[in-house]
Amino acid sequence: MSSNWFVRKKPARLERRVEFSDYEQTREFLEKAADLSESEDYYPDMSFGRTHVSITLHSKEDENEIGEDMLRYANLMDELVPAARMTH
């Protein structure tokens, strides 16, 4: 998991914002993220504007901490971000 994720304790979650240079990059990222969500059966909260995406990964209802599954998913999301866009 990159250092671009913020760990929140209550409730347990990971948060990240990714900046893009234009809408085309944002749209491409969102499409890849949608494919990842479907393949992993995990659906993070995402909001976006023209050149940014905010992502929140929540723990499962019965978990009070960030688990291995969430960290693994954060790593998979990191792989979707162009190297030049590894920002908060």
C-alpha atoms as a PDB file:
ATOM      1  CA  MET A   1       0.000   0.000   0.000  1.00  0.00           C
ATOM      2  CA  SER A   2       1.407   3.389  -0.949  1.00  0.00           C
ATOM      3  CA  SER A   3       1.896   6.133   1.599  1.00  0.00           C
ATOM      4  CA  ASN A   4      -0.861   8.069  -0.187  1.00  0.00           C
ATOM      5  CA  TRP A   5      -3.535   6.304   1.857  1.00  0.00           C
ATOM      6  CA  PHE A   6      -4.672   7.877   5.107  1.00  0.00           C
ATOM      7  CA  VAL A   7      -5.576   5.482   7.924  1.00  0.00           C
ATOM      8  CA  ARG A   8      -8.669   6.470   9.903  1.00  0.00           C
ATOM      9  CA  LYS A   9      -9.563   4.701  13.149  1.00  0.00           C
ATOM     10  CA  LYS A  10     -13.233   5.403  13.876  1.00  0.00           C
ATOM     11  CA  PRO A  11     -14.666   3.817  11.899  1.00  0.00           C
ATOM     12  CA  ALA A  12     -11.703   1.868  10.515  1.00  0.00           C
ATOM     13  CA  ARG A  13     -11.098   2.930   6.926  1.00  0.00           C
ATOM     14  CA  LEU A  14      -8.507   3.994   4.364  1.00  0.00           C
ATOM     15  CA  GLU A  15      -8.866   7.213   2.387  1.00  0.00           C
ATOM     16  CA  ARG A  16      -7.078   8.502  -0.667  1.00  0.00           C
ATOM     17  CA  ARG A  17      -7.450  11.279  -3.233  1.00  0.00           C
ATOM     18  CA  VAL A  18      -5.926  10.979  -6.699  1.00  0.00           C
ATOM     19  CA  GLU A  19      -5.379  13.990  -8.986  1.00  0.00           C
ATOM     20  CA  PHE A  20      -5.352  13.681 -12.778  1.00  0.00           C
ATOM     21  CA  SER A  21      -4.300  16.085 -15.512  1.00  0.00           C
ATOM     22  CA  ASP A  22      -7.558  15.862 -17.461  1.00  0.00           C
ATOM     23  CA  TYR A  23     -10.990  14.270 -17.541  1.00  0.00           C
ATOM     24  CA  GLU A  24      -9.845  11.513 -19.898  1.00  0.00           C
ATOM     25  CA  GLN A  25      -7.383  10.186 -17.297  1.00  0.00           C
ATOM     26  CA  THR A  26     -10.045  10.429 -14.598  1.00  0.00           C
ATOM     27  CA  ARG A  27     -12.540   8.500 -16.728  1.00  0.00           C
ATOM     28  CA  GLU A  28     -10.001   5.792 -17.590  1.00  0.00           C
ATOM     29  CA  PHE A  29      -9.157   5.344 -13.906  1.00  0.00           C
ATOM     30  CA  LEU A  30     -12.852   5.098 -12.963  1.00  0.00           C
ATOM     31  CA  GLU A  31     -13.442   2.441 -15.619  1.00  0.00           C
ATOM     32  CA  LYS A  32     -10.492   0.366 -14.356  1.00  0.00           C
ATOM     33  CA  ALA A  33     -11.671   0.833 -10.761  1.00  0.00           C
ATOM     34  CA  ALA A  34     -15.163  -0.391 -11.718  1.00  0.00           C
ATOM     35  CA  ASP A  35     -13.677  -3.512 -13.323  1.00  0.00           C
ATOM     36  CA  LEU A  36     -11.566  -4.127 -10.214  1.00  0.00           C
ATOM     37  CA  SER A  37     -14.591  -3.732  -7.940  1.00  0.00           C
ATOM     38  CA  GLU A  38     -16.557  -6.280  -9.927  1.00  0.00           C
ATOM     39  CA  SER A  39     -13.714  -8.796 -10.068  1.00  0.00           C
ATOM     40  CA  GLU A  40     -12.973  -8.465  -6.328  1.00  0.00           C
ATOM     41  CA  ASP A  41     -16.618  -8.078  -5.239  1.00  0.00           C
ATOM     42  CA  TYR A  42     -15.602  -5.063  -3.140  1.00  0.00           C
ATOM     43  CA  TYR A  43     -17.169  -1.675  -3.727  1.00  0.00           C
ATOM     44  CA  PRO A  44     -15.408   1.308  -2.161  1.00  0.00           C
ATOM     45  CA  ASP A  45     -17.016   4.705  -1.750  1.00  0.00           C
ATOM     46  CA  MET A  46     -15.778   6.911  -4.569  1.00  0.00           C
ATOM     47  CA  SER A  47     -16.526  10.483  -5.502  1.00  0.00           C
ATOM     48  CA  PHE A  48     -15.003  12.394  -8.348  1.00  0.00           C
ATOM     49  CA  GLY A  49     -14.700  15.675 -10.141  1.00  0.00           C
ATOM     50  CA  ARG A  50     -13.262  16.506 -13.525  1.00  0.00           C
ATOM     51  CA  THR A  51      -9.651  15.856 -12.499  1.00  0.00           C
ATOM     52  CA  HIS A  52      -9.765  13.989  -9.182  1.00  0.00           C
ATOM     53  CA  VAL A  53     -11.124  10.874  -7.489  1.00  0.00           C
ATOM     54  CA  SER A  54     -11.601  10.423  -3.734  1.00  0.00           C
ATOM     55  CA  ILE A  55     -11.639   6.820  -2.510  1.00  0.00           C
ATOM     56  CA  THR A  56     -12.708   5.423   0.866  1.00  0.00           C
ATOM     57  CA  LEU A  57     -12.227   1.774   1.749  1.00  0.00           C
ATOM     58  CA  HIS A  58     -14.372   0.712   4.701  1.00  0.00           C
ATOM     59  CA  SER A  59     -13.826  -2.228   7.023  1.00  0.00           C
ATOM     60  CA  LYS A  60     -16.440  -4.936   7.094  1.00  0.00           C
ATOM     61  CA  GLU A  61     -19.293  -4.444   9.549  1.00  0.00           C
ATOM     62  CA  ASP A  62     -17.893  -6.849  12.120  1.00  0.00           C
ATOM     63  CA  GLU A  63     -14.316  -5.513  11.935  1.00  0.00           C
ATOM     64  CA  ASN A  64     -12.950  -2.592  13.920  1.00  0.00           C
ATOM     65  CA  GLU A  65      -9.560  -2.436  12.278  1.00  0.00           C
ATOM     66  CA  ILE A  66      -7.979  -2.393   8.861  1.00  0.00           C
ATOM     67  CA  GLY A  67      -7.485  -5.974   7.749  1.00  0.00           C
ATOM     68  CA  GLU A  68      -5.347  -7.743   5.197  1.00  0.00           C
ATOM     69  CA  ASP A  69      -8.181  -7.774   2.638  1.00  0.00           C
ATOM     70  CA  MET A  70      -8.483  -3.998   2.757  1.00  0.00           C
ATOM     71  CA  LEU A  71      -4.715  -3.529   2.470  1.00  0.00           C
ATOM     72  CA  ARG A  72      -4.624  -5.917  -0.481  1.00  0.00           C
ATOM     73  CA  TYR A  73      -7.412  -3.990  -2.208  1.00  0.00           C
ATOM     74  CA  ALA A  74      -5.603  -0.681  -1.565  1.00  0.00           C
ATOM     75  CA  ASN A  75      -2.539  -2.158  -3.288  1.00  0.00           C
ATOM     76  CA  LEU A  76      -4.667  -3.191  -6.260  1.00  0.00           C
ATOM     77  CA  MET A  77      -6.105   0.334  -6.466  1.00  0.00           C
ATOM     78  CA  ASP A  78      -2.573   1.785  -6.329  1.00  0.00           C
ATOM     79  CA  GLU A  79      -1.673  -0.289  -9.388  1.00  0.00           C
ATOM     80  CA  LEU A  80      -4.430   1.462 -11.364  1.00  0.00           C
ATOM     81  CA  VAL A  81      -2.987   4.930 -10.727  1.00  0.00           C
ATOM     82  CA  PRO A  82      -0.518   6.196 -13.336  1.00  0.00           C
ATOM     83  CA  ALA A  83       2.951   6.465 -11.732  1.00  0.00           C
ATOM     84  CA  ALA A  84       3.032  10.231 -12.218  1.00  0.00           C
ATOM     85  CA  ARG A  85      -0.255  10.583 -10.299  1.00  0.00           C
ATOM     86  CA  MET A  86       0.632   8.988  -6.969  1.00  0.00           C
ATOM     87  CA  THR A  87      -0.752  11.920  -4.942  1.00  0.00           C
ATOM     88  CA  HIS A  88      -3.001  12.415  -1.915  1.00  0.00           C
END
